[in-house]
């Protein structure tokens, strides 16, 4: 097929060569090969006549974007949390929208356990001490909180919350959970989870893990009220979405000494769909290195997993280009 008559697929961020090659066998590919996202203007220009877009967390698709890109047939999201993609707008315009549902769960849960251990056992501070040149062998310092025998509260018991619970089974911890849709008793028994209200979870947990998606009901769910009910010195971990947590309220609680520590892989600045989002990581949090531990959104950053995520999005694109329903559709724009 002549190049000019082939469908056009835009890939908005870097993907593995295998994914690019797969797409190139079915379409003309316009790809961002750098490790930095395009600006909104660059993305719109690339998609102006495109048939498909593979988007990531750094992109936003809304009515205005769809107005500017009228040829789109599918937006394939290489992610699970799709709050920056307007599903209803896509449906009205006859555009499929797909997400990756399962591939991110295990690596995110794995990283969550890493954050629990790193924060509780003062691992970042220990690393800084060794590198400082001041380490002279064991001293009775940096005593922390271990997972063994602790109470861990999971805010959310969806796919990630369940996966975290399974990974914590070997630590002999008591596991509390809260979810708007409680689990069935046999699920609770299998995961050794005990249901609690949010207030009970806050009051009785040594560690709290945030495991809920971002939506209007969960925005700043962990805020001043929740934090005030946590035990003095308790620790908070967020590997879900930045704006589920009120970062200013966390900074207040850390500065007052009420909250013992905060670890995060996600930040309010990343939630592009929120008009009032900050544009940098909260500087008050960055100023507290002894009580915080941060990673740069590494939840799914396992090389083979990221390849598989992008490949699944690419396969959904090809299904639509060939006139079929994509397996991971969030909508049905056919009416």
C-alpha atoms as a PDB file:
ATOM      1  CA  UNK A   1       0.000   0.000   0.000  1.00  0.00           C
ATOM      2  CA  UNK A   2       1.410   3.441  -0.886  1.00  0.00           C
ATOM      3  CA  UNK A   3       2.604   5.323   2.174  1.00  0.00           C
ATOM      4  CA  UNK A   4       0.209   8.233   1.671  1.00  0.00           C
ATOM      5  CA  UNK A   5      -2.844   5.901   1.659  1.00  0.00           C
ATOM      6  CA  UNK A   6      -1.947   4.045   4.841  1.00  0.00           C
ATOM      7  CA  UNK A   7      -3.689   4.964   8.115  1.00  0.00           C
ATOM      8  CA  UNK A   8      -1.689   7.227  10.420  1.00  0.00           C
ATOM      9  CA  UNK A   9      -0.950   6.252  14.023  1.00  0.00           C
ATOM     10  CA  UNK A  10       0.554   8.791  16.406  1.00  0.00           C
ATOM     11  CA  UNK A  11       2.610   7.510  19.351  1.00  0.00           C
ATOM     12  CA  UNK A  12       2.923  10.349  21.821  1.00  0.00           C
ATOM     13  CA  UNK A  13       5.842   9.069  23.906  1.00  0.00           C
ATOM     14  CA  UNK A  14       8.823   6.770  23.480  1.00  0.00           C
ATOM     15  CA  UNK A  15       8.014   3.075  23.051  1.00  0.00           C
ATOM     16  CA  UNK A  16      10.140  -0.008  22.536  1.00  0.00           C
ATOM     17  CA  UNK A  17      11.342  -0.743  18.986  1.00  0.00           C
ATOM     18  CA  UNK A  18       9.234  -3.907  18.873  1.00  0.00           C
ATOM     19  CA  UNK A  19       6.073  -1.847  19.365  1.00  0.00           C
ATOM     20  CA  UNK A  20       7.088   0.629  16.691  1.00  0.00           C
ATOM     21  CA  UNK A  21       7.853  -2.202  14.259  1.00  0.00           C
ATOM     22  CA  UNK A  22       4.493  -3.868  14.915  1.00  0.00           C
ATOM     23  CA  UNK A  23       2.617  -0.649  14.218  1.00  0.00           C
ATOM     24  CA  UNK A  24       4.729   0.123  11.145  1.00  0.00           C
ATOM     25  CA  UNK A  25       3.620  -3.154   9.582  1.00  0.00           C
ATOM     26  CA  UNK A  26       0.024  -1.884   9.637  1.00  0.00           C
ATOM     27  CA  UNK A  27       0.201   1.905   9.379  1.00  0.00           C
ATOM     28  CA  UNK A  28       2.333   4.967   8.920  1.00  0.00           C
ATOM     29  CA  UNK A  29       3.705   5.821  12.346  1.00  0.00           C
ATOM     30  CA  UNK A  30       4.324   9.345  13.617  1.00  0.00           C
ATOM     31  CA  UNK A  31       6.261   8.841  16.829  1.00  0.00           C
ATOM     32  CA  UNK A  32       7.770  10.943  19.554  1.00  0.00           C
ATOM     33  CA  UNK A  33      11.117   9.203  19.931  1.00  0.00           C
ATOM     34  CA  UNK A  34      12.389  11.402  22.748  1.00  0.00           C
ATOM     35  CA  UNK A  35      11.941  10.759  26.454  1.00  0.00           C
ATOM     36  CA  UNK A  36      10.105  14.057  26.926  1.00  0.00           C
ATOM     37  CA  UNK A  37       6.436  14.529  26.026  1.00  0.00           C
ATOM     38  CA  UNK A  38       5.294  16.776  23.232  1.00  0.00           C
ATOM     39  CA  UNK A  39       3.641  20.042  24.108  1.00  0.00           C
ATOM     40  CA  UNK A  40      -0.164  20.120  23.641  1.00  0.00           C
ATOM     41  CA  UNK A  41       0.339  22.139  20.455  1.00  0.00           C
ATOM     42  CA  UNK A  42       2.828  19.611  19.066  1.00  0.00           C
ATOM     43  CA  UNK A  43       0.495  16.730  19.888  1.00  0.00           C
ATOM     44  CA  UNK A  44      -2.467  18.393  18.167  1.00  0.00           C
ATOM     45  CA  UNK A  45      -0.422  19.082  15.073  1.00  0.00           C
ATOM     46  CA  UNK A  46       0.765  15.467  14.944  1.00  0.00           C
ATOM     47  CA  UNK A  47      -2.814  14.178  15.335  1.00  0.00           C
ATOM     48  CA  UNK A  48      -4.498  16.671  13.000  1.00  0.00           C
ATOM     49  CA  UNK A  49      -5.057  14.046  10.289  1.00  0.00           C
ATOM     50  CA  UNK A  50      -4.307  10.915  12.316  1.00  0.00           C
ATOM     51  CA  UNK A  51      -6.497   7.843  12.513  1.00  0.00           C
ATOM     52  CA  UNK A  52      -5.220   6.694  15.900  1.00  0.00           C
ATOM     53  CA  UNK A  53      -3.387   7.977  18.946  1.00  0.00           C
ATOM     54  CA  UNK A  54      -1.479   6.002  21.552  1.00  0.00           C
ATOM     55  CA  UNK A  55      -1.441   8.280  24.593  1.00  0.00           C
ATOM     56  CA  UNK A  56       0.203   8.172  27.985  1.00  0.00           C
ATOM     57  CA  UNK A  57      -0.162   9.924  31.304  1.00  0.00           C
ATOM     58  CA  UNK A  58       1.270  13.154  29.915  1.00  0.00           C
ATOM     59  CA  UNK A  59      -1.478  13.618  27.321  1.00  0.00           C
ATOM     60  CA  UNK A  60      -5.032  14.953  27.660  1.00  0.00           C
ATOM     61  CA  UNK A  61      -7.898  14.230  25.299  1.00  0.00           C
ATOM     62  CA  UNK A  62     -11.013  16.382  25.638  1.00  0.00           C
ATOM     63  CA  UNK A  63     -13.630  18.045  23.437  1.00  0.00           C
ATOM     64  CA  UNK A  64     -11.219  20.716  22.207  1.00  0.00           C
ATOM     65  CA  UNK A  65      -8.598  18.138  21.276  1.00  0.00           C
ATOM     66  CA  UNK A  66     -11.143  16.061  19.375  1.00  0.00           C
ATOM     67  CA  UNK A  67     -12.322  19.191  17.536  1.00  0.00           C
ATOM     68  CA  UNK A  68      -8.766  19.688  16.312  1.00  0.00           C
ATOM     69  CA  UNK A  69      -8.278  16.024  15.354  1.00  0.00           C
ATOM     70  CA  UNK A  70     -11.487  14.982  13.572  1.00  0.00           C
ATOM     71  CA  UNK A  71     -10.087  11.874  11.842  1.00  0.00           C
ATOM     72  CA  UNK A  72      -9.334   9.937  15.023  1.00  0.00           C
ATOM     73  CA  UNK A  73     -10.963   6.532  15.257  1.00  0.00           C
ATOM     74  CA  UNK A  74      -9.291   5.340  18.462  1.00  0.00           C
ATOM     75  CA  UNK A  75      -7.391   6.729  21.420  1.00  0.00           C
ATOM     76  CA  UNK A  76      -5.460   3.835  22.955  1.00  0.00           C
ATOM     77  CA  UNK A  77      -4.270   4.737  26.446  1.00  0.00           C
ATOM     78  CA  UNK A  78      -1.060   3.045  27.547  1.00  0.00           C
ATOM     79  CA  UNK A  79      -2.151   3.349  31.158  1.00  0.00           C
ATOM     80  CA  UNK A  80      -4.806   2.281  33.655  1.00  0.00           C
ATOM     81  CA  UNK A  81      -5.867   5.541  35.318  1.00  0.00           C
ATOM     82  CA  UNK A  82      -7.619   7.472  32.545  1.00  0.00           C
ATOM     83  CA  UNK A  83      -8.917  10.587  34.334  1.00  0.00           C
ATOM     84  CA  UNK A  84      -7.172  12.853  31.803  1.00  0.00           C
ATOM     85  CA  UNK A  85      -9.079  11.229  28.919  1.00  0.00           C
ATOM     86  CA  UNK A  86     -12.722  12.212  28.368  1.00  0.00           C
ATOM     87  CA  UNK A  87     -14.481   8.937  27.615  1.00  0.00           C
ATOM     88  CA  UNK A  88     -17.884  10.575  27.096  1.00  0.00           C
ATOM     89  CA  UNK A  89     -16.467  13.056  24.591  1.00  0.00           C
ATOM     90  CA  UNK A  90     -14.812  10.233  22.659  1.00  0.00           C
ATOM     91  CA  UNK A  91     -18.062   8.267  22.608  1.00  0.00           C
ATOM     92  CA  UNK A  92     -20.010  11.248  21.276  1.00  0.00           C
ATOM     93  CA  UNK A  93     -17.430  11.695  18.495  1.00  0.00           C
ATOM     94  CA  UNK A  94     -17.426   8.041  17.499  1.00  0.00           C
ATOM     95  CA  UNK A  95     -13.910   7.450  18.859  1.00  0.00           C
ATOM     96  CA  UNK A  96     -12.967   4.242  20.636  1.00  0.00           C
ATOM     97  CA  UNK A  97     -10.983   4.625  23.861  1.00  0.00           C
ATOM     98  CA  UNK A  98      -9.047   1.759  25.420  1.00  0.00           C
ATOM     99  CA  UNK A  99      -6.966   1.303  28.567  1.00  0.00           C
ATOM    100  CA  UNK A 100      -4.548  -1.285  29.905  1.00  0.00           C
ATOM    101  CA  UNK A 101      -6.280  -2.927  32.836  1.00  0.00           C
ATOM    102  CA  UNK A 102      -4.043  -5.591  34.386  1.00  0.00           C
ATOM    103  CA  UNK A 103      -0.413  -5.168  33.400  1.00  0.00           C
ATOM    104  CA  UNK A 104       0.321  -2.294  35.806  1.00  0.00           C
ATOM    105  CA  UNK A 105      -1.082  -3.980  38.921  1.00  0.00           C
ATOM    106  CA  UNK A 106       1.769  -6.280  39.946  1.00  0.00           C
ATOM    107  CA  UNK A 107       4.664  -3.821  39.471  1.00  0.00           C
ATOM    108  CA  UNK A 108       2.745  -1.075  41.292  1.00  0.00           C
ATOM    109  CA  UNK A 109       2.020  -3.375  44.230  1.00  0.00           C
ATOM    110  CA  UNK A 110       5.669  -4.452  44.303  1.00  0.00           C
ATOM    111  CA  UNK A 111       6.829  -0.846  44.444  1.00  0.00           C
ATOM    112  CA  UNK A 112       4.307  -0.090  47.195  1.00  0.00           C
ATOM    113  CA  UNK A 113       5.881  -2.710  49.429  1.00  0.00           C
ATOM    114  CA  UNK A 114       9.288  -1.216  48.628  1.00  0.00           C
ATOM    115  CA  UNK A 115       8.059   2.204  49.736  1.00  0.00           C
ATOM    116  CA  UNK A 116       6.673   0.777  52.969  1.00  0.00           C
ATOM    117  CA  UNK A 117      10.013  -0.786  53.831  1.00  0.00           C
ATOM    118  CA  UNK A 118      12.127   2.166  52.665  1.00  0.00           C
ATOM    119  CA  UNK A 119      10.102   4.690  54.652  1.00  0.00           C
ATOM    120  CA  UNK A 120       9.672   2.582  57.777  1.00  0.00           C
ATOM    121  CA  UNK A 121      13.322   1.516  57.992  1.00  0.00           C
ATOM    122  CA  UNK A 122      14.847   4.931  57.096  1.00  0.00           C
ATOM    123  CA  UNK A 123      16.629   3.508  54.076  1.00  0.00           C
ATOM    124  CA  UNK A 124      17.081   6.856  52.240  1.00  0.00           C
ATOM    125  CA  UNK A 125      18.628   8.426  55.347  1.00  0.00           C
ATOM    126  CA  UNK A 126      20.859   5.397  55.777  1.00  0.00           C
ATOM    127  CA  UNK A 127      22.049   5.656  52.185  1.00  0.00           C
ATOM    128  CA  UNK A 128      22.857   9.351  52.667  1.00  0.00           C
ATOM    129  CA  UNK A 129      24.785   8.556  55.842  1.00  0.00           C
ATOM    130  CA  UNK A 130      26.960   5.936  54.152  1.00  0.00           C
ATOM    131  CA  UNK A 131      27.674   8.227  51.187  1.00  0.00           C
ATOM    132  CA  UNK A 132      28.487  11.194  53.433  1.00  0.00           C
ATOM    133  CA  UNK A 133      31.753   9.664  54.609  1.00  0.00           C
ATOM    134  CA  UNK A 134      30.624   9.907  58.221  1.00  0.00           C
ATOM    135  CA  UNK A 135      29.714   6.249  58.641  1.00  0.00           C
ATOM    136  CA  UNK A 136      32.075   4.473  61.043  1.00  0.00           C
ATOM    137  CA  UNK A 137      30.139   1.270  61.610  1.00  0.00           C
ATOM    138  CA  UNK A 138      27.051   0.376  63.600  1.00  0.00           C
ATOM    139  CA  UNK A 139      25.604   2.977  65.937  1.00  0.00           C
ATOM    140  CA  UNK A 140      22.264   2.987  67.800  1.00  0.00           C
ATOM    141  CA  UNK A 141      20.658   5.350  65.287  1.00  0.00           C
ATOM    142  CA  UNK A 142      17.949   5.418  62.616  1.00  0.00           C
ATOM    143  CA  UNK A 143      15.655   3.064  64.512  1.00  0.00           C
ATOM    144  CA  UNK A 144      12.455   2.753  62.510  1.00  0.00           C
ATOM    145  CA  UNK A 145       9.233   0.801  62.091  1.00  0.00           C
ATOM    146  CA  UNK A 146       9.173  -2.684  60.586  1.00  0.00           C
ATOM    147  CA  UNK A 147       6.301  -4.377  58.790  1.00  0.00           C
ATOM    148  CA  UNK A 148       6.432  -7.507  60.927  1.00  0.00           C
ATOM    149  CA  UNK A 149       3.707  -7.286  63.565  1.00  0.00           C
ATOM    150  CA  UNK A 150       2.481  -3.894  62.394  1.00  0.00           C
ATOM    151  CA  UNK A 151      -1.005  -2.808  61.359  1.00  0.00           C
ATOM    152  CA  UNK A 152      -1.242  -1.697  57.729  1.00  0.00           C
ATOM    153  CA  UNK A 153      -4.305   0.080  56.395  1.00  0.00           C
ATOM    154  CA  UNK A 154      -5.178  -0.095  52.697  1.00  0.00           C
ATOM    155  CA  UNK A 155      -7.305   2.767  51.407  1.00  0.00           C
ATOM    156  CA  UNK A 156      -8.865   0.899  48.515  1.00  0.00           C
ATOM    157  CA  UNK A 157      -9.208  -2.815  47.807  1.00  0.00           C
ATOM    158  CA  UNK A 158      -9.370  -2.869  44.033  1.00  0.00           C
ATOM    159  CA  UNK A 159      -6.840  -4.684  41.880  1.00  0.00           C
ATOM    160  CA  UNK A 160      -3.807  -2.866  43.330  1.00  0.00           C
ATOM    161  CA  UNK A 161      -5.064  -3.028  46.917  1.00  0.00           C
ATOM    162  CA  UNK A 162      -5.592  -6.776  46.637  1.00  0.00           C
ATOM    163  CA  UNK A 163      -2.173  -7.232  45.033  1.00  0.00           C
ATOM    164  CA  UNK A 164      -0.529  -5.277  47.857  1.00  0.00           C
ATOM    165  CA  UNK A 165      -2.355  -7.425  50.421  1.00  0.00           C
ATOM    166  CA  UNK A 166      -1.106 -10.615  48.773  1.00  0.00           C
ATOM    167  CA  UNK A 167       2.470  -9.339  48.873  1.00  0.00           C
ATOM    168  CA  UNK A 168       2.187  -8.404  52.535  1.00  0.00           C
ATOM    169  CA  UNK A 169       0.974 -11.856  53.562  1.00  0.00           C
ATOM    170  CA  UNK A 170       4.471 -12.973  54.563  1.00  0.00           C
ATOM    171  CA  UNK A 171       5.112 -10.048  56.916  1.00  0.00           C
ATOM    172  CA  UNK A 172       2.745 -11.160  59.707  1.00  0.00           C
ATOM    173  CA  UNK A 173       1.053  -7.776  59.637  1.00  0.00           C
ATOM    174  CA  UNK A 174      -2.557  -7.051  60.500  1.00  0.00           C
ATOM    175  CA  UNK A 175      -4.248  -5.756  57.354  1.00  0.00           C
ATOM    176  CA  UNK A 176      -7.183  -3.347  57.517  1.00  0.00           C
ATOM    177  CA  UNK A 177      -8.948  -2.045  54.438  1.00  0.00           C
ATOM    178  CA  UNK A 178     -11.577   0.465  53.415  1.00  0.00           C
ATOM    179  CA  UNK A 179     -13.355   0.504  50.085  1.00  0.00           C
ATOM    180  CA  UNK A 180     -16.617   2.021  48.875  1.00  0.00           C
ATOM    181  CA  UNK A 181     -17.432  -1.440  47.537  1.00  0.00           C
ATOM    182  CA  UNK A 182     -16.511  -3.861  50.323  1.00  0.00           C
ATOM    183  CA  UNK A 183     -15.149  -7.257  49.426  1.00  0.00           C
ATOM    184  CA  UNK A 184     -17.103 -10.447  49.895  1.00  0.00           C
ATOM    185  CA  UNK A 185     -16.349 -12.340  53.128  1.00  0.00           C
ATOM    186  CA  UNK A 186     -14.492 -15.116  51.302  1.00  0.00           C
ATOM    187  CA  UNK A 187     -12.287 -12.517  49.549  1.00  0.00           C
ATOM    188  CA  UNK A 188     -11.508 -10.884  52.897  1.00  0.00           C
ATOM    189  CA  UNK A 189     -10.611 -14.267  54.375  1.00  0.00           C
ATOM    190  CA  UNK A 190      -8.399 -15.234  51.437  1.00  0.00           C
ATOM    191  CA  UNK A 191      -6.456 -11.958  51.650  1.00  0.00           C
ATOM    192  CA  UNK A 192      -6.499 -11.795  55.468  1.00  0.00           C
ATOM    193  CA  UNK A 193      -8.155  -8.401  55.274  1.00  0.00           C
ATOM    194  CA  UNK A 194     -10.376  -6.839  57.922  1.00  0.00           C
ATOM    195  CA  UNK A 195     -12.904  -4.220  56.840  1.00  0.00           C
ATOM    196  CA  UNK A 196     -12.837  -0.865  58.646  1.00  0.00           C
ATOM    197  CA  UNK A 197     -14.279   2.606  58.280  1.00  0.00           C
ATOM    198  CA  UNK A 198     -11.905   5.316  57.103  1.00  0.00           C
ATOM    199  CA  UNK A 199     -11.760   6.714  60.633  1.00  0.00           C
ATOM    200  CA  UNK A 200     -10.994   3.294  62.104  1.00  0.00           C
ATOM    201  CA  UNK A 201      -8.335   2.625  59.500  1.00  0.00           C
ATOM    202  CA  UNK A 202      -6.657   5.960  60.172  1.00  0.00           C
ATOM    203  CA  UNK A 203      -6.768   5.544  63.936  1.00  0.00           C
ATOM    204  CA  UNK A 204      -5.388   1.997  64.121  1.00  0.00           C
ATOM    205  CA  UNK A 205      -2.776   1.780  61.338  1.00  0.00           C
ATOM    206  CA  UNK A 206       0.992   2.082  61.725  1.00  0.00           C
ATOM    207  CA  UNK A 207       1.200   2.408  57.933  1.00  0.00           C
ATOM    208  CA  UNK A 208      -1.467   3.655  55.536  1.00  0.00           C
ATOM    209  CA  UNK A 209      -1.261   2.814  51.815  1.00  0.00           C
ATOM    210  CA  UNK A 210      -3.307   4.747  49.257  1.00  0.00           C
ATOM    211  CA  UNK A 211      -4.600   2.328  46.593  1.00  0.00           C
ATOM    212  CA  UNK A 212      -7.595   4.082  44.983  1.00  0.00           C
ATOM    213  CA  UNK A 213      -7.963   5.661  41.528  1.00  0.00           C
ATOM    214  CA  UNK A 214      -8.416   9.400  41.128  1.00  0.00           C
ATOM    215  CA  UNK A 215     -11.995  10.538  40.552  1.00  0.00           C
ATOM    216  CA  UNK A 216     -14.214  13.307  41.974  1.00  0.00           C
ATOM    217  CA  UNK A 217     -15.033  11.186  45.048  1.00  0.00           C
ATOM    218  CA  UNK A 218     -11.403  10.383  45.865  1.00  0.00           C
ATOM    219  CA  UNK A 219      -9.867  13.826  45.222  1.00  0.00           C
ATOM    220  CA  UNK A 220      -8.059  14.814  48.474  1.00  0.00           C
ATOM    221  CA  UNK A 221      -9.645  11.839  50.223  1.00  0.00           C
ATOM    222  CA  UNK A 222      -6.528  11.766  52.401  1.00  0.00           C
ATOM    223  CA  UNK A 223      -6.572  15.311  53.706  1.00  0.00           C
ATOM    224  CA  UNK A 224      -6.535  17.237  56.969  1.00  0.00           C
ATOM    225  CA  UNK A 225      -9.377  15.302  58.569  1.00  0.00           C
ATOM    226  CA  UNK A 226      -7.977  11.876  57.718  1.00  0.00           C
ATOM    227  CA  UNK A 227      -4.444  12.813  58.738  1.00  0.00           C
ATOM    228  CA  UNK A 228      -5.578  14.233  62.077  1.00  0.00           C
ATOM    229  CA  UNK A 229      -7.095  10.865  62.929  1.00  0.00           C
ATOM    230  CA  UNK A 230      -3.936   8.903  62.169  1.00  0.00           C
ATOM    231  CA  UNK A 231      -1.817   7.726  65.060  1.00  0.00           C
ATOM    232  CA  UNK A 232       1.000  10.117  65.994  1.00  0.00           C
ATOM    233  CA  UNK A 233       4.097   8.971  64.146  1.00  0.00           C
ATOM    234  CA  UNK A 234       2.238   6.767  61.655  1.00  0.00           C
ATOM    235  CA  UNK A 235       3.495   6.569  58.072  1.00  0.00           C
ATOM    236  CA  UNK A 236       1.696   7.268  54.784  1.00  0.00           C
ATOM    237  CA  UNK A 237       2.489   5.776  51.356  1.00  0.00           C
ATOM    238  CA  UNK A 238       0.919   6.889  48.068  1.00  0.00           C
ATOM    239  CA  UNK A 239       1.535   4.957  44.853  1.00  0.00           C
ATOM    240  CA  UNK A 240      -1.966   5.586  43.453  1.00  0.00           C
ATOM    241  CA  UNK A 241      -2.514   9.119  42.120  1.00  0.00           C
ATOM    242  CA  UNK A 242      -1.068  12.316  43.522  1.00  0.00           C
ATOM    243  CA  UNK A 243      -4.305  14.234  44.068  1.00  0.00           C
ATOM    244  CA  UNK A 244      -5.943  11.523  46.151  1.00  0.00           C
ATOM    245  CA  UNK A 245      -3.680  13.036  48.812  1.00  0.00           C
ATOM    246  CA  UNK A 246      -3.735  16.709  49.804  1.00  0.00           C
ATOM    247  CA  UNK A 247      -0.017  17.462  49.699  1.00  0.00           C
ATOM    248  CA  UNK A 248      -0.355  20.706  51.666  1.00  0.00           C
ATOM    249  CA  UNK A 249      -2.181  18.843  54.434  1.00  0.00           C
ATOM    250  CA  UNK A 250       0.577  16.205  54.418  1.00  0.00           C
ATOM    251  CA  UNK A 251       3.216  18.940  54.696  1.00  0.00           C
ATOM    252  CA  UNK A 252       1.332  20.449  57.650  1.00  0.00           C
ATOM    253  CA  UNK A 253       1.172  17.071  59.387  1.00  0.00           C
ATOM    254  CA  UNK A 254       4.859  16.369  58.786  1.00  0.00           C
ATOM    255  CA  UNK A 255       5.968  19.809  59.961  1.00  0.00           C
ATOM    256  CA  UNK A 256       3.893  19.498  63.132  1.00  0.00           C
ATOM    257  CA  UNK A 257       5.401  16.072  63.830  1.00  0.00           C
ATOM    258  CA  UNK A 258       2.026  14.335  63.875  1.00  0.00           C
ATOM    259  CA  UNK A 259       2.736  12.362  60.688  1.00  0.00           C
ATOM    260  CA  UNK A 260       5.882  10.296  60.988  1.00  0.00           C
ATOM    261  CA  UNK A 261       6.708  10.107  57.282  1.00  0.00           C
ATOM    262  CA  UNK A 262       5.383  10.225  53.739  1.00  0.00           C
ATOM    263  CA  UNK A 263       6.498   8.197  50.726  1.00  0.00           C
ATOM    264  CA  UNK A 264       5.103   8.802  47.242  1.00  0.00           C
ATOM    265  CA  UNK A 265       5.585   7.703  43.669  1.00  0.00           C
ATOM    266  CA  UNK A 266       2.896  10.097  42.392  1.00  0.00           C
ATOM    267  CA  UNK A 267       2.283  13.814  42.809  1.00  0.00           C
ATOM    268  CA  UNK A 268      -0.505  16.357  42.416  1.00  0.00           C
ATOM    269  CA  UNK A 269       1.483  18.120  39.688  1.00  0.00           C
ATOM    270  CA  UNK A 270       0.994  15.078  37.412  1.00  0.00           C
ATOM    271  CA  UNK A 271      -2.788  15.179  37.354  1.00  0.00           C
ATOM    272  CA  UNK A 272      -3.069  17.089  34.099  1.00  0.00           C
ATOM    273  CA  UNK A 273      -6.861  17.050  33.911  1.00  0.00           C
ATOM    274  CA  UNK A 274      -7.204  19.177  37.061  1.00  0.00           C
ATOM    275  CA  UNK A 275      -7.205  22.855  36.142  1.00  0.00           C
ATOM    276  CA  UNK A 276      -5.873  23.931  39.534  1.00  0.00           C
ATOM    277  CA  UNK A 277      -3.069  21.370  39.772  1.00  0.00           C
ATOM    278  CA  UNK A 278       0.311  22.659  40.956  1.00  0.00           C
ATOM    279  CA  UNK A 279       3.113  22.718  38.400  1.00  0.00           C
ATOM    280  CA  UNK A 280       5.852  21.289  40.597  1.00  0.00           C
ATOM    281  CA  UNK A 281       6.264  18.916  43.508  1.00  0.00           C
ATOM    282  CA  UNK A 282       5.266  20.638  46.732  1.00  0.00           C
ATOM    283  CA  UNK A 283       8.449  22.394  47.919  1.00  0.00           C
ATOM    284  CA  UNK A 284       7.490  21.935  51.573  1.00  0.00           C
ATOM    285  CA  UNK A 285       7.652  18.180  51.062  1.00  0.00           C
ATOM    286  CA  UNK A 286      10.991  18.382  49.295  1.00  0.00           C
ATOM    287  CA  UNK A 287      12.351  20.346  52.256  1.00  0.00           C
ATOM    288  CA  UNK A 288      11.798  17.362  54.593  1.00  0.00           C
ATOM    289  CA  UNK A 289      14.218  14.688  53.340  1.00  0.00           C
ATOM    290  CA  UNK A 290      14.440  12.938  56.707  1.00  0.00           C
ATOM    291  CA  UNK A 291      10.703  12.235  56.764  1.00  0.00           C
ATOM    292  CA  UNK A 292       9.935  11.681  53.099  1.00  0.00           C
ATOM    293  CA  UNK A 293      10.889   9.248  50.350  1.00  0.00           C
ATOM    294  CA  UNK A 294      10.027   9.911  46.714  1.00  0.00           C
ATOM    295  CA  UNK A 295      10.380   8.090  43.411  1.00  0.00           C
ATOM    296  CA  UNK A 296       9.605   9.557  39.945  1.00  0.00           C
ATOM    297  CA  UNK A 297       6.441   7.614  39.038  1.00  0.00           C
ATOM    298  CA  UNK A 298       8.129   4.227  38.806  1.00  0.00           C
ATOM    299  CA  UNK A 299       4.990   2.191  39.553  1.00  0.00           C
ATOM    300  CA  UNK A 300       4.984   0.379  36.202  1.00  0.00           C
ATOM    301  CA  UNK A 301       8.612   1.063  35.304  1.00  0.00           C
ATOM    302  CA  UNK A 302       9.605  -2.543  34.720  1.00  0.00           C
ATOM    303  CA  UNK A 303      11.092  -2.723  31.238  1.00  0.00           C
ATOM    304  CA  UNK A 304       9.226  -5.764  29.935  1.00  0.00           C
ATOM    305  CA  UNK A 305       5.982  -4.535  31.515  1.00  0.00           C
ATOM    306  CA  UNK A 306       6.233  -1.130  29.823  1.00  0.00           C
ATOM    307  CA  UNK A 307       6.879  -2.892  26.516  1.00  0.00           C
ATOM    308  CA  UNK A 308       3.826  -5.091  27.020  1.00  0.00           C
ATOM    309  CA  UNK A 309       1.656  -2.103  28.006  1.00  0.00           C
ATOM    310  CA  UNK A 310       2.525  -0.218  24.832  1.00  0.00           C
ATOM    311  CA  UNK A 311       2.110  -3.369  22.737  1.00  0.00           C
ATOM    312  CA  UNK A 312      -1.369  -3.969  24.123  1.00  0.00           C
ATOM    313  CA  UNK A 313      -2.343  -0.408  23.207  1.00  0.00           C
ATOM    314  CA  UNK A 314      -0.852  -0.942  19.736  1.00  0.00           C
ATOM    315  CA  UNK A 315      -2.831  -4.147  19.254  1.00  0.00           C
ATOM    316  CA  UNK A 316      -6.048  -2.333  20.172  1.00  0.00           C
ATOM    317  CA  UNK A 317      -5.217   0.280  17.533  1.00  0.00           C
ATOM    318  CA  UNK A 318      -4.721  -2.351  14.842  1.00  0.00           C
ATOM    319  CA  UNK A 319      -8.016  -4.022  15.721  1.00  0.00           C
ATOM    320  CA  UNK A 320      -9.869  -0.754  15.096  1.00  0.00           C
ATOM    321  CA  UNK A 321      -7.959  -0.003  11.899  1.00  0.00           C
ATOM    322  CA  UNK A 322      -9.059  -3.406  10.639  1.00  0.00           C
ATOM    323  CA  UNK A 323     -12.695  -2.719  11.474  1.00  0.00           C
ATOM    324  CA  UNK A 324     -12.999  -4.723  14.675  1.00  0.00           C
ATOM    325  CA  UNK A 325     -13.933  -3.891  18.262  1.00  0.00           C
ATOM    326  CA  UNK A 326     -10.800  -3.416  20.412  1.00  0.00           C
ATOM    327  CA  UNK A 327     -10.613  -5.939  23.267  1.00  0.00           C
ATOM    328  CA  UNK A 328      -9.878  -3.352  25.967  1.00  0.00           C
ATOM    329  CA  UNK A 329     -12.484  -0.748  25.058  1.00  0.00           C
ATOM    330  CA  UNK A 330     -13.857   1.575  27.716  1.00  0.00           C
ATOM    331  CA  UNK A 331     -16.742   2.617  25.463  1.00  0.00           C
ATOM    332  CA  UNK A 332     -18.714   1.634  22.381  1.00  0.00           C
ATOM    333  CA  UNK A 333     -19.002   4.611  20.060  1.00  0.00           C
ATOM    334  CA  UNK A 334     -21.035   2.666  17.509  1.00  0.00           C
ATOM    335  CA  UNK A 335     -24.243   3.486  19.403  1.00  0.00           C
END
